[in-house]
Amino acid sequence: MDIRETIHGLTLELRRGTIILGVLSQLSEPQYGYSLVPVLKERGIPVEPNTLYPLLRRLEKQGLLDSAWDTNEARPRKYYSLSPAGKEVYERLCGEWNSLKISIDSLIEGGGNHGTD
């Protein structure tokens, strides 16, 4: 068993859900897809464009994002922002995140106490 490979795989699993929350957190104002890559990376949530764009399309299809094309630049860009439903989902996910964080922090700080005598 390669411990580094195991940690890498488990880390990817942990990060998968946090990417959604990270993306939603940045879309209260319209952003184009690629503009999110450096912002998220700078804040500790690196995401590859080939992961980000399908996620943005999925969130849009779910009704959580609105989008509009800006064709005023030489290269047209699709800008995304939270829809009203997206704002509600984001707020609720933040509440879930905070509850989970408190619970996990409690478990971690409890260390080796597994509830057995």
PDB file of N, CA and C in Angstrom:
ATOM      1  N   MET A   1       0.846  -1.187   0.000  1.00  0.00           N
ATOM      2  CA  MET A   1       0.000   0.000   0.000  1.00  0.00           C
ATOM      3  C   MET A   1       0.887   1.245   0.000  1.00  0.00           C
ATOM      4  N   ASP A   2       0.628   2.140  -0.962  1.00  0.00           N
ATOM      5  CA  ASP A   2       1.365   3.397  -1.039  1.00  0.00           C
ATOM      6  C   ASP A   2       0.564   4.466  -0.294  1.00  0.00           C
ATOM      7  N   ILE A   3       1.071   4.874   0.869  1.00  0.00           N
ATOM      8  CA  ILE A   3       0.351   5.818   1.731  1.00  0.00           C
ATOM      9  C   ILE A   3       0.143   7.161   1.030  1.00  0.00           C
ATOM     10  N   ARG A   4       1.111   7.596   0.232  1.00  0.00           N
ATOM     11  CA  ARG A   4       0.965   8.877  -0.478  1.00  0.00           C
ATOM     12  C   ARG A   4      -0.180   8.822  -1.479  1.00  0.00           C
ATOM     13  N   GLU A   5      -0.281   7.702  -2.179  1.00  0.00           N
ATOM     14  CA  GLU A   5      -1.359   7.533  -3.148  1.00  0.00           C
ATOM     15  C   GLU A   5      -2.711   7.511  -2.441  1.00  0.00           C
ATOM     16  N   THR A   6      -2.770   6.835  -1.312  1.00  0.00           N
ATOM     17  CA  THR A   6      -4.010   6.775  -0.525  1.00  0.00           C
ATOM     18  C   THR A   6      -4.408   8.163  -0.047  1.00  0.00           C
ATOM     19  N   ILE A   7      -3.453   8.909   0.499  1.00  0.00           N
ATOM     20  CA  ILE A   7      -3.740  10.265   0.990  1.00  0.00           C
ATOM     21  C   ILE A   7      -4.187  11.154  -0.166  1.00  0.00           C
ATOM     22  N   HIS A   8      -3.525  11.026  -1.305  1.00  0.00           N
ATOM     23  CA  HIS A   8      -3.890  11.830  -2.475  1.00  0.00           C
ATOM     24  C   HIS A   8      -5.348  11.550  -2.872  1.00  0.00           C
ATOM     25  N   GLY A   9      -5.718  10.294  -2.965  1.00  0.00           N
ATOM     26  CA  GLY A   9      -7.080   9.918  -3.352  1.00  0.00           C
ATOM     27  C   GLY A   9      -8.117  10.415  -2.351  1.00  0.00           C
ATOM     28  N   LEU A  10      -7.825  10.260  -1.076  1.00  0.00           N
ATOM     29  CA  LEU A  10      -8.760  10.717  -0.045  1.00  0.00           C
ATOM     30  C   LEU A  10      -8.853  12.241  -0.022  1.00  0.00           C
ATOM     31  N   THR A  11      -7.755  12.923  -0.272  1.00  0.00           N
ATOM     32  CA  THR A  11      -7.767  14.386  -0.336  1.00  0.00           C
ATOM     33  C   THR A  11      -8.639  14.857  -1.493  1.00  0.00           C
ATOM     34  N   LEU A  12      -8.534  14.196  -2.639  1.00  0.00           N
ATOM     35  CA  LEU A  12      -9.378  14.548  -3.783  1.00  0.00           C
ATOM     36  C   LEU A  12     -10.859  14.384  -3.435  1.00  0.00           C
ATOM     37  N   GLU A  13     -11.188  13.307  -2.720  1.00  0.00           N
ATOM     38  CA  GLU A  13     -12.574  13.101  -2.295  1.00  0.00           C
ATOM     39  C   GLU A  13     -13.051  14.226  -1.387  1.00  0.00           C
ATOM     40  N   LEU A  14     -12.223  14.617  -0.424  1.00  0.00           N
ATOM     41  CA  LEU A  14     -12.585  15.703   0.486  1.00  0.00           C
ATOM     42  C   LEU A  14     -12.805  17.008  -0.263  1.00  0.00           C
ATOM     43  N   ARG A  15     -11.951  17.288  -1.232  1.00  0.00           N
ATOM     44  CA  ARG A  15     -12.001  18.563  -1.945  1.00  0.00           C
ATOM     45  C   ARG A  15     -13.161  18.651  -2.925  1.00  0.00           C
ATOM     46  N   ARG A  16     -13.643  17.511  -3.405  1.00  0.00           N
ATOM     47  CA  ARG A  16     -14.656  17.517  -4.459  1.00  0.00           C
ATOM     48  C   ARG A  16     -15.872  18.373  -4.082  1.00  0.00           C
ATOM     49  N   GLY A  17     -16.412  18.170  -2.904  1.00  0.00           N
ATOM     50  CA  GLY A  17     -17.570  18.943  -2.480  1.00  0.00           C
ATOM     51  C   GLY A  17     -17.240  20.381  -2.156  1.00  0.00           C
ATOM     52  N   THR A  18     -16.032  20.618  -1.694  1.00  0.00           N
ATOM     53  CA  THR A  18     -15.668  21.988  -1.326  1.00  0.00           C
ATOM     54  C   THR A  18     -15.494  22.865  -2.558  1.00  0.00           C
ATOM     55  N   ILE A  19     -15.186  22.270  -3.695  1.00  0.00           N
ATOM     56  CA  ILE A  19     -15.041  23.052  -4.927  1.00  0.00           C
ATOM     57  C   ILE A  19     -16.378  23.708  -5.275  1.00  0.00           C
ATOM     58  N   ILE A  20     -17.469  22.983  -5.131  1.00  0.00           N
ATOM     59  CA  ILE A  20     -18.793  23.545  -5.428  1.00  0.00           C
ATOM     60  C   ILE A  20     -19.055  24.756  -4.546  1.00  0.00           C
ATOM     61  N   LEU A  21     -18.822  24.617  -3.257  1.00  0.00           N
ATOM     62  CA  LEU A  21     -19.041  25.723  -2.333  1.00  0.00           C
ATOM     63  C   LEU A  21     -18.112  26.890  -2.664  1.00  0.00           C
ATOM     64  N   GLY A  22     -16.873  26.588  -2.995  1.00  0.00           N
ATOM     65  CA  GLY A  22     -15.923  27.630  -3.373  1.00  0.00           C
ATOM     66  C   GLY A  22     -16.360  28.383  -4.612  1.00  0.00           C
ATOM     67  N   VAL A  23     -16.829  27.668  -5.619  1.00  0.00           N
ATOM     68  CA  VAL A  23     -17.290  28.309  -6.858  1.00  0.00           C
ATOM     69  C   VAL A  23     -18.508  29.183  -6.572  1.00  0.00           C
ATOM     70  N   LEU A  24     -19.493  28.636  -5.870  1.00  0.00           N
ATOM     71  CA  LEU A  24     -20.696  29.415  -5.569  1.00  0.00           C
ATOM     72  C   LEU A  24     -20.356  30.681  -4.791  1.00  0.00           C
ATOM     73  N   SER A  25     -19.367  30.588  -3.912  1.00  0.00           N
ATOM     74  CA  SER A  25     -19.003  31.744  -3.083  1.00  0.00           C
ATOM     75  C   SER A  25     -18.472  32.921  -3.901  1.00  0.00           C
ATOM     76  N   GLN A  26     -18.017  32.648  -5.105  1.00  0.00           N
ATOM     77  CA  GLN A  26     -17.408  33.696  -5.926  1.00  0.00           C
ATOM     78  C   GLN A  26     -18.352  34.272  -6.978  1.00  0.00           C
ATOM     79  N   LEU A  27     -19.599  33.824  -6.999  1.00  0.00           N
ATOM     80  CA  LEU A  27     -20.489  34.215  -8.091  1.00  0.00           C
ATOM     81  C   LEU A  27     -21.633  35.129  -7.674  1.00  0.00           C
ATOM     82  N   SER A  28     -21.459  35.868  -6.587  1.00  0.00           N
ATOM     83  CA  SER A  28     -22.475  36.871  -6.249  1.00  0.00           C
ATOM     84  C   SER A  28     -22.434  38.002  -7.274  1.00  0.00           C
ATOM     85  N   GLU A  29     -21.283  38.195  -7.883  1.00  0.00           N
ATOM     86  CA  GLU A  29     -21.109  39.117  -9.014  1.00  0.00           C
ATOM     87  C   GLU A  29     -20.720  38.279 -10.232  1.00  0.00           C
ATOM     88  N   PRO A  30     -21.139  38.682 -11.436  1.00  0.00           N
ATOM     89  CA  PRO A  30     -20.810  37.880 -12.626  1.00  0.00           C
ATOM     90  C   PRO A  30     -19.302  37.701 -12.820  1.00  0.00           C
ATOM     91  N   GLN A  31     -18.935  36.475 -13.138  1.00  0.00           N
ATOM     92  CA  GLN A  31     -17.546  36.109 -13.423  1.00  0.00           C
ATOM     93  C   GLN A  31     -17.544  35.189 -14.635  1.00  0.00           C
ATOM     94  N   TYR A  32     -16.515  35.296 -15.449  1.00  0.00           N
ATOM     95  CA  TYR A  32     -16.391  34.308 -16.521  1.00  0.00           C
ATOM     96  C   TYR A  32     -15.593  33.128 -15.975  1.00  0.00           C
ATOM     97  N   GLY A  33     -15.790  31.983 -16.570  1.00  0.00           N
ATOM     98  CA  GLY A  33     -15.238  30.745 -16.042  1.00  0.00           C
ATOM     99  C   GLY A  33     -13.771  30.800 -15.690  1.00  0.00           C
ATOM    100  N   TYR A  34     -12.944  31.192 -16.655  1.00  0.00           N
ATOM    101  CA  TYR A  34     -11.509  31.118 -16.402  1.00  0.00           C
ATOM    102  C   TYR A  34     -11.060  32.102 -15.332  1.00  0.00           C
ATOM    103  N   SER A  35     -11.801  33.192 -15.123  1.00  0.00           N
ATOM    104  CA  SER A  35     -11.426  34.161 -14.085  1.00  0.00           C
ATOM    105  C   SER A  35     -11.501  33.549 -12.692  1.00  0.00           C
ATOM    106  N   LEU A  36     -12.281  32.477 -12.550  1.00  0.00           N
ATOM    107  CA  LEU A  36     -12.409  31.814 -11.251  1.00  0.00           C
ATOM    108  C   LEU A  36     -11.170  30.992 -10.896  1.00  0.00           C
ATOM    109  N   VAL A  37     -10.463  30.498 -11.904  1.00  0.00           N
ATOM    110  CA  VAL A  37      -9.319  29.607 -11.668  1.00  0.00           C
ATOM    111  C   VAL A  37      -8.266  30.259 -10.771  1.00  0.00           C
ATOM    112  N   PRO A  38      -7.735  31.445 -11.114  1.00  0.00           N
ATOM    113  CA  PRO A  38      -6.708  32.036 -10.244  1.00  0.00           C
ATOM    114  C   PRO A  38      -7.252  32.494  -8.889  1.00  0.00           C
ATOM    115  N   VAL A  39      -8.500  32.956  -8.858  1.00  0.00           N
ATOM    116  CA  VAL A  39      -9.088  33.403  -7.591  1.00  0.00           C
ATOM    117  C   VAL A  39      -9.192  32.231  -6.617  1.00  0.00           C
ATOM    118  N   LEU A  40      -9.713  31.121  -7.097  1.00  0.00           N
ATOM    119  CA  LEU A  40      -9.853  29.942  -6.236  1.00  0.00           C
ATOM    120  C   LEU A  40      -8.487  29.411  -5.819  1.00  0.00           C
ATOM    121  N   LYS A  41      -7.550  29.366  -6.754  1.00  0.00           N
ATOM    122  CA  LYS A  41      -6.205  28.880  -6.442  1.00  0.00           C
ATOM    123  C   LYS A  41      -5.554  29.739  -5.364  1.00  0.00           C
ATOM    124  N   GLU A  42      -5.674  31.059  -5.504  1.00  0.00           N
ATOM    125  CA  GLU A  42      -5.090  31.998  -4.547  1.00  0.00           C
ATOM    126  C   GLU A  42      -5.665  31.794  -3.143  1.00  0.00           C
ATOM    127  N   ARG A  43      -6.904  31.329  -3.084  1.00  0.00           N
ATOM    128  CA  ARG A  43      -7.571  31.133  -1.795  1.00  0.00           C
ATOM    129  C   ARG A  43      -7.508  29.684  -1.320  1.00  0.00           C
ATOM    130  N   GLY A  44      -6.636  28.892  -1.953  1.00  0.00           N
ATOM    131  CA  GLY A  44      -6.394  27.533  -1.467  1.00  0.00           C
ATOM    132  C   GLY A  44      -7.284  26.455  -2.033  1.00  0.00           C
ATOM    133  N   ILE A  45      -8.047  26.770  -3.081  1.00  0.00           N
ATOM    134  CA  ILE A  45      -8.907  25.771  -3.725  1.00  0.00           C
ATOM    135  C   ILE A  45      -8.507  25.675  -5.198  1.00  0.00           C
ATOM    136  N   PRO A  46      -7.391  25.005  -5.485  1.00  0.00           N
ATOM    137  CA  PRO A  46      -7.003  24.889  -6.892  1.00  0.00           C
ATOM    138  C   PRO A  46      -7.997  24.027  -7.660  1.00  0.00           C
ATOM    139  N   VAL A  47      -8.369  24.486  -8.838  1.00  0.00           N
ATOM    140  CA  VAL A  47      -9.289  23.729  -9.682  1.00  0.00           C
ATOM    141  C   VAL A  47      -8.836  23.895 -11.133  1.00  0.00           C
ATOM    142  N   GLU A  48      -8.818  22.789 -11.841  1.00  0.00           N
ATOM    143  CA  GLU A  48      -8.416  22.793 -13.244  1.00  0.00           C
ATOM    144  C   GLU A  48      -9.597  23.249 -14.102  1.00  0.00           C
ATOM    145  N   PRO A  49      -9.311  23.971 -15.194  1.00  0.00           N
ATOM    146  CA  PRO A  49     -10.405  24.378 -16.088  1.00  0.00           C
ATOM    147  C   PRO A  49     -11.251  23.198 -16.578  1.00  0.00           C
ATOM    148  N   ASN A  50     -10.618  22.050 -16.822  1.00  0.00           N
ATOM    149  CA  ASN A  50     -11.386  20.892 -17.303  1.00  0.00           C
ATOM    150  C   ASN A  50     -12.281  20.292 -16.225  1.00  0.00           C
ATOM    151  N   THR A  51     -12.127  20.717 -14.987  1.00  0.00           N
ATOM    152  CA  THR A  51     -13.045  20.364 -13.900  1.00  0.00           C
ATOM    153  C   THR A  51     -14.081  21.472 -13.729  1.00  0.00           C
ATOM    154  N   LEU A  52     -13.635  22.715 -13.848  1.00  0.00           N
ATOM    155  CA  LEU A  52     -14.489  23.870 -13.584  1.00  0.00           C
ATOM    156  C   LEU A  52     -15.611  24.023 -14.604  1.00  0.00           C
ATOM    157  N   TYR A  53     -15.296  23.944 -15.887  1.00  0.00           N
ATOM    158  CA  TYR A  53     -16.323  24.216 -16.899  1.00  0.00           C
ATOM    159  C   TYR A  53     -17.486  23.221 -16.863  1.00  0.00           C
ATOM    160  N   PRO A  54     -17.237  21.917 -16.754  1.00  0.00           N
ATOM    161  CA  PRO A  54     -18.388  21.008 -16.607  1.00  0.00           C
ATOM    162  C   PRO A  54     -19.200  21.295 -15.336  1.00  0.00           C
ATOM    163  N   LEU A  55     -18.513  21.694 -14.260  1.00  0.00           N
ATOM    164  CA  LEU A  55     -19.215  22.028 -13.015  1.00  0.00           C
ATOM    165  C   LEU A  55     -20.117  23.248 -13.234  1.00  0.00           C
ATOM    166  N   LEU A  56     -19.595  24.282 -13.887  1.00  0.00           N
ATOM    167  CA  LEU A  56     -20.403  25.478 -14.160  1.00  0.00           C
ATOM    168  C   LEU A  56     -21.620  25.129 -15.016  1.00  0.00           C
ATOM    169  N   ARG A  57     -21.427  24.303 -16.036  1.00  0.00           N
ATOM    170  CA  ARG A  57     -22.555  23.899 -16.893  1.00  0.00           C
ATOM    171  C   ARG A  57     -23.585  23.109 -16.096  1.00  0.00           C
ATOM    172  N   ARG A  58     -23.113  22.217 -15.217  1.00  0.00           N
ATOM    173  CA  ARG A  58     -24.036  21.420 -14.401  1.00  0.00           C
ATOM    174  C   ARG A  58     -24.830  22.312 -13.444  1.00  0.00           C
ATOM    175  N   LEU A  59     -24.146  23.255 -12.782  1.00  0.00           N
ATOM    176  CA  LEU A  59     -24.831  24.147 -11.852  1.00  0.00           C
ATOM    177  C   LEU A  59     -25.840  25.039 -12.587  1.00  0.00           C
ATOM    178  N   GLU A  60     -25.485  25.434 -13.804  1.00  0.00           N
ATOM    179  CA  GLU A  60     -26.423  26.219 -14.612  1.00  0.00           C
ATOM    180  C   GLU A  60     -27.637  25.377 -14.985  1.00  0.00           C
ATOM    181  N   LYS A  61     -27.405  24.143 -15.399  1.00  0.00           N
ATOM    182  CA  LYS A  61     -28.502  23.242 -15.767  1.00  0.00           C
ATOM    183  C   LYS A  61     -29.421  22.976 -14.577  1.00  0.00           C
ATOM    184  N   GLN A  62     -28.853  22.949 -13.364  1.00  0.00           N
ATOM    185  CA  GLN A  62     -29.641  22.738 -12.149  1.00  0.00           C
ATOM    186  C   GLN A  62     -30.397  23.992 -11.719  1.00  0.00           C
ATOM    187  N   GLY A  63     -30.186  25.100 -12.433  1.00  0.00           N
ATOM    188  CA  GLY A  63     -30.889  26.333 -12.127  1.00  0.00           C
ATOM    189  C   GLY A  63     -30.233  27.168 -11.041  1.00  0.00           C
ATOM    190  N   LEU A  64     -28.995  26.824 -10.669  1.00  0.00           N
ATOM    191  CA  LEU A  64     -28.317  27.552  -9.602  1.00  0.00           C
ATOM    192  C   LEU A  64     -27.530  28.745 -10.120  1.00  0.00           C
ATOM    193  N   LEU A  65     -27.235  28.741 -11.427  1.00  0.00           N
ATOM    194  CA  LEU A  65     -26.479  29.835 -12.029  1.00  0.00           C
ATOM    195  C   LEU A  65     -27.243  30.404 -13.208  1.00  0.00           C
ATOM    196  N   ASP A  66     -27.127  31.720 -13.368  1.00  0.00           N
ATOM    197  CA  ASP A  66     -27.563  32.397 -14.575  1.00  0.00           C
ATOM    198  C   ASP A  66     -26.305  32.666 -15.396  1.00  0.00           C
ATOM    199  N   SER A  67     -26.469  32.797 -16.701  1.00  0.00           N
ATOM    200  CA  SER A  67     -25.306  33.103 -17.529  1.00  0.00           C
ATOM    201  C   SER A  67     -25.697  34.055 -18.644  1.00  0.00           C
ATOM    202  N   ALA A  68     -24.698  34.783 -19.110  1.00  0.00           N
ATOM    203  CA  ALA A  68     -24.891  35.697 -20.233  1.00  0.00           C
ATOM    204  C   ALA A  68     -23.567  35.821 -20.975  1.00  0.00           C
ATOM    205  N   TRP A  69     -23.660  35.904 -22.295  1.00  0.00           N
ATOM    206  CA  TRP A  69     -22.465  36.069 -23.119  1.00  0.00           C
ATOM    207  C   TRP A  69     -22.125  37.544 -23.246  1.00  0.00           C
ATOM    208  N   ASP A  70     -20.847  37.862 -23.134  1.00  0.00           N
ATOM    209  CA  ASP A  70     -20.339  39.200 -23.412  1.00  0.00           C
ATOM    210  C   ASP A  70     -19.564  39.103 -24.715  1.00  0.00           C
ATOM    211  N   THR A  71     -20.111  39.710 -25.746  1.00  0.00           N
ATOM    212  CA  THR A  71     -19.467  39.648 -27.067  1.00  0.00           C
ATOM    213  C   THR A  71     -18.782  40.961 -27.418  1.00  0.00           C
ATOM    214  N   ASN A  72     -18.616  41.850 -26.437  1.00  0.00           N
ATOM    215  CA  ASN A  72     -17.970  43.141 -26.694  1.00  0.00           C
ATOM    216  C   ASN A  72     -16.455  43.025 -26.801  1.00  0.00           C
ATOM    217  N   GLU A  73     -15.887  41.978 -26.261  1.00  0.00           N
ATOM    218  CA  GLU A  73     -14.442  41.767 -26.331  1.00  0.00           C
ATOM    219  C   GLU A  73     -14.107  41.014 -27.622  1.00  0.00           C
ATOM    220  N   ALA A  74     -12.815  40.976 -27.956  1.00  0.00           N
ATOM    221  CA  ALA A  74     -12.376  40.241 -29.145  1.00  0.00           C
ATOM    222  C   ALA A  74     -12.759  38.765 -29.021  1.00  0.00           C
ATOM    223  N   ARG A  75     -12.692  38.268 -27.781  1.00  0.00           N
ATOM    224  CA  ARG A  75     -13.035  36.868 -27.533  1.00  0.00           C
ATOM    225  C   ARG A  75     -14.292  36.826 -26.648  1.00  0.00           C
ATOM    226  N   PRO A  76     -15.410  36.320 -27.182  1.00  0.00           N
ATOM    227  CA  PRO A  76     -16.636  36.275 -26.372  1.00  0.00           C
ATOM    228  C   PRO A  76     -16.434  35.452 -25.093  1.00  0.00           C
ATOM    229  N   ARG A  77     -17.028  35.927 -24.007  1.00  0.00           N
ATOM    230  CA  ARG A  77     -16.922  35.228 -22.730  1.00  0.00           C
ATOM    231  C   ARG A  77     -18.306  35.026 -22.135  1.00  0.00           C
ATOM    232  N   LYS A  78     -18.486  33.866 -21.541  1.00  0.00           N
ATOM    233  CA  LYS A  78     -19.743  33.563 -20.864  1.00  0.00           C
ATOM    234  C   LYS A  78     -19.562  33.885 -19.385  1.00  0.00           C
ATOM    235  N   TYR A  79     -20.385  34.786 -18.884  1.00  0.00           N
ATOM    236  CA  TYR A  79     -20.338  35.184 -17.484  1.00  0.00           C
ATOM    237  C   TYR A  79     -21.419  34.451 -16.708  1.00  0.00           C
ATOM    238  N   TYR A  80     -21.047  33.976 -15.531  1.00  0.00           N
ATOM    239  CA  TYR A  80     -21.955  33.248 -14.654  1.00  0.00           C
ATOM    240  C   TYR A  80     -22.187  34.052 -13.375  1.00  0.00           C
ATOM    241  N   SER A  81     -23.395  33.937 -12.841  1.00  0.00           N
ATOM    242  CA  SER A  81     -23.698  34.514 -11.527  1.00  0.00           C
ATOM    243  C   SER A  81     -24.759  33.645 -10.867  1.00  0.00           C
ATOM    244  N   LEU A  82     -24.877  33.793  -9.552  1.00  0.00           N
ATOM    245  CA  LEU A  82     -25.880  33.022  -8.822  1.00  0.00           C
ATOM    246  C   LEU A  82     -27.280  33.444  -9.234  1.00  0.00           C
ATOM    247  N   SER A  83     -28.130  32.484  -9.496  1.00  0.00           N
ATOM    248  CA  SER A  83     -29.546  32.753  -9.711  1.00  0.00           C
ATOM    249  C   SER A  83     -30.191  32.938  -8.327  1.00  0.00           C
ATOM    250  N   PRO A  84     -31.428  33.369  -8.253  1.00  0.00           N
ATOM    251  CA  PRO A  84     -32.083  33.426  -6.939  1.00  0.00           C
ATOM    252  C   PRO A  84     -32.061  32.072  -6.216  1.00  0.00           C
ATOM    253  N   ALA A  85     -32.321  30.999  -6.950  1.00  0.00           N
ATOM    254  CA  ALA A  85     -32.254  29.662  -6.333  1.00  0.00           C
ATOM    255  C   ALA A  85     -30.825  29.351  -5.901  1.00  0.00           C
ATOM    256  N   GLY A  86     -29.851  29.768  -6.701  1.00  0.00           N
ATOM    257  CA  GLY A  86     -28.443  29.551  -6.360  1.00  0.00           C
ATOM    258  C   GLY A  86     -28.055  30.266  -5.082  1.00  0.00           C
ATOM    259  N   LYS A  87     -28.577  31.471  -4.890  1.00  0.00           N
ATOM    260  CA  LYS A  87     -28.293  32.218  -3.661  1.00  0.00           C
ATOM    261  C   LYS A  87     -28.830  31.470  -2.448  1.00  0.00           C
ATOM    262  N   GLU A  88     -30.059  30.960  -2.573  1.00  0.00           N
ATOM    263  CA  GLU A  88     -30.652  30.209  -1.461  1.00  0.00           C
ATOM    264  C   GLU A  88     -29.874  28.926  -1.178  1.00  0.00           C
ATOM    265  N   VAL A  89     -29.518  28.211  -2.236  1.00  0.00           N
ATOM    266  CA  VAL A  89     -28.752  26.974  -2.072  1.00  0.00           C
ATOM    267  C   VAL A  89     -27.392  27.283  -1.442  1.00  0.00           C
ATOM    268  N   TYR A  90     -26.738  28.329  -1.919  1.00  0.00           N
ATOM    269  CA  TYR A  90     -25.439  28.713  -1.359  1.00  0.00           C
ATOM    270  C   TYR A  90     -25.545  29.013   0.131  1.00  0.00           C
ATOM    271  N   GLU A  91     -26.543  29.791   0.528  1.00  0.00           N
ATOM    272  CA  GLU A  91     -26.723  30.120   1.945  1.00  0.00           C
ATOM    273  C   GLU A  91     -26.957  28.862   2.780  1.00  0.00           C
ATOM    274  N   ARG A  92     -27.774  27.963   2.273  1.00  0.00           N
ATOM    275  CA  ARG A  92     -28.050  26.724   3.019  1.00  0.00           C
ATOM    276  C   ARG A  92     -26.817  25.822   3.087  1.00  0.00           C
ATOM    277  N   LEU A  93     -26.070  25.757   1.980  1.00  0.00           N
ATOM    278  CA  LEU A  93     -24.838  24.960   1.997  1.00  0.00           C
ATOM    279  C   LEU A  93     -23.826  25.533   2.980  1.00  0.00           C
ATOM    280  N   CYS A  94     -23.774  26.860   3.088  1.00  0.00           N
ATOM    281  CA  CYS A  94     -22.872  27.480   4.074  1.00  0.00           C
ATOM    282  C   CYS A  94     -23.269  27.058   5.487  1.00  0.00           C
ATOM    283  N   GLY A  95     -24.558  27.018   5.758  1.00  0.00           N
ATOM    284  CA  GLY A  95     -25.027  26.554   7.062  1.00  0.00           C
ATOM    285  C   GLY A  95     -24.639  25.103   7.313  1.00  0.00           C
ATOM    286  N   GLU A  96     -24.817  24.259   6.284  1.00  0.00           N
ATOM    287  CA  GLU A  96     -24.423  22.849   6.409  1.00  0.00           C
ATOM    288  C   GLU A  96     -22.923  22.737   6.640  1.00  0.00           C
ATOM    289  N   TRP A  97     -22.144  23.527   5.886  1.00  0.00           N
ATOM    290  CA  TRP A  97     -20.692  23.510   6.021  1.00  0.00           C
ATOM    291  C   TRP A  97     -20.287  23.867   7.453  1.00  0.00           C
ATOM    292  N   ASN A  98     -20.884  24.933   7.972  1.00  0.00           N
ATOM    293  CA  ASN A  98     -20.541  25.360   9.335  1.00  0.00           C
ATOM    294  C   ASN A  98     -20.886  24.297  10.363  1.00  0.00           C
ATOM    295  N   SER A  99     -22.030  23.636  10.214  1.00  0.00           N
ATOM    296  CA  SER A  99     -22.399  22.549  11.131  1.00  0.00           C
ATOM    297  C   SER A  99     -21.419  21.390  11.033  1.00  0.00           C
ATOM    298  N   LEU A 100     -21.096  21.000   9.794  1.00  0.00           N
ATOM    299  CA  LEU A 100     -20.140  19.902   9.601  1.00  0.00           C
ATOM    300  C   LEU A 100     -18.771  20.251  10.165  1.00  0.00           C
ATOM    301  N   LYS A 101     -18.344  21.487   9.944  1.00  0.00           N
ATOM    302  CA  LYS A 101     -17.041  21.920  10.442  1.00  0.00           C
ATOM    303  C   LYS A 101     -16.989  21.820  11.959  1.00  0.00           C
ATOM    304  N   ILE A 102     -18.032  22.277  12.623  1.00  0.00           N
ATOM    305  CA  ILE A 102     -18.088  22.195  14.087  1.00  0.00           C
ATOM    306  C   ILE A 102     -18.024  20.736  14.527  1.00  0.00           C
ATOM    307  N   SER A 103     -18.790  19.882  13.868  1.00  0.00           N
ATOM    308  CA  SER A 103     -18.812  18.460  14.233  1.00  0.00           C
ATOM    309  C   SER A 103     -17.461  17.799  13.999  1.00  0.00           C
ATOM    310  N   ILE A 104     -16.867  18.036  12.844  1.00  0.00           N
ATOM    311  CA  ILE A 104     -15.571  17.427  12.532  1.00  0.00           C
ATOM    312  C   ILE A 104     -14.495  17.960  13.460  1.00  0.00           C
ATOM    313  N   ASP A 105     -14.504  19.282  13.713  1.00  0.00           N
ATOM    314  CA  ASP A 105     -13.530  19.851  14.658  1.00  0.00           C
ATOM    315  C   ASP A 105     -13.655  19.176  16.014  1.00  0.00           C
ATOM    316  N   SER A 106     -14.883  18.939  16.446  1.00  0.00           N
ATOM    317  CA  SER A 106     -15.113  18.284  17.738  1.00  0.00           C
ATOM    318  C   SER A 106     -14.552  16.862  17.743  1.00  0.00           C
ATOM    319  N   LEU A 107     -14.768  16.153  16.650  1.00  0.00           N
ATOM    320  CA  LEU A 107     -14.241  14.788  16.551  1.00  0.00           C
ATOM    321  C   LEU A 107     -12.722  14.786  16.544  1.00  0.00           C
ATOM    322  N   ILE A 108     -12.137  15.691  15.771  1.00  0.00           N
ATOM    323  CA  ILE A 108     -10.676  15.746  15.669  1.00  0.00           C
ATOM    324  C   ILE A 108     -10.065  16.142  17.006  1.00  0.00           C
ATOM    325  N   GLU A 109     -10.629  17.155  17.631  1.00  0.00           N
ATOM    326  CA  GLU A 109     -10.102  17.613  18.914  1.00  0.00           C
ATOM    327  C   GLU A 109     -10.285  16.553  20.000  1.00  0.00           C
ATOM    328  N   GLY A 110     -11.300  15.689  19.834  1.00  0.00           N
ATOM    329  CA  GLY A 110     -11.525  14.617  20.792  1.00  0.00           C
ATOM    330  C   GLY A 110     -10.480  13.526  20.693  1.00  0.00           C
ATOM    331  N   GLY A 111      -9.752  13.543  19.583  1.00  0.00           N
ATOM    332  CA  GLY A 111      -8.650  12.598  19.393  1.00  0.00           C
ATOM    333  C   GLY A 111      -9.085  11.151  19.418  1.00  0.00           C
ATOM    334  N   GLY A 112      -8.423  10.389  20.251  1.00  0.00           N
ATOM    335  CA  GLY A 112      -8.599   8.946  20.290  1.00  0.00           C
ATOM    336  C   GLY A 112      -9.811   8.469  21.058  1.00  0.00           C
ATOM    337  N   ASN A 113     -10.637   9.341  21.571  1.00  0.00           N
ATOM    338  CA  ASN A 113     -11.808   8.918  22.328  1.00  0.00           C
ATOM    339  C   ASN A 113     -12.880   8.423  21.354  1.00  0.00           C
ATOM    340  N   HIS A 114     -13.069   7.107  21.313  1.00  0.00           N
ATOM    341  CA  HIS A 114     -14.005   6.501  20.381  1.00  0.00           C
ATOM    342  C   HIS A 114     -15.294   6.094  21.059  1.00  0.00           C
ATOM    343  N   GLY A 115     -15.535   6.569  22.243  1.00  0.00           N
ATOM    344  CA  GLY A 115     -16.767   6.272  22.942  1.00  0.00           C
ATOM    345  C   GLY A 115     -16.787   4.888  23.576  1.00  0.00           C
ATOM    346  N   THR A 116     -15.636   4.265  23.720  1.00  0.00           N
ATOM    347  CA  THR A 116     -15.583   2.959  24.365  1.00  0.00           C
ATOM    348  C   THR A 116     -14.847   3.087  25.683  1.00  0.00           C
ATOM    349  N   ASP A 117     -15.153   2.189  26.575  1.00  0.00           N
ATOM    350  CA  ASP A 117     -14.472   2.206  27.888  1.00  0.00           C
ATOM    351  C   ASP A 117     -13.265   1.322  27.878  1.00  0.00           C
TER     352      ASP A 117
END
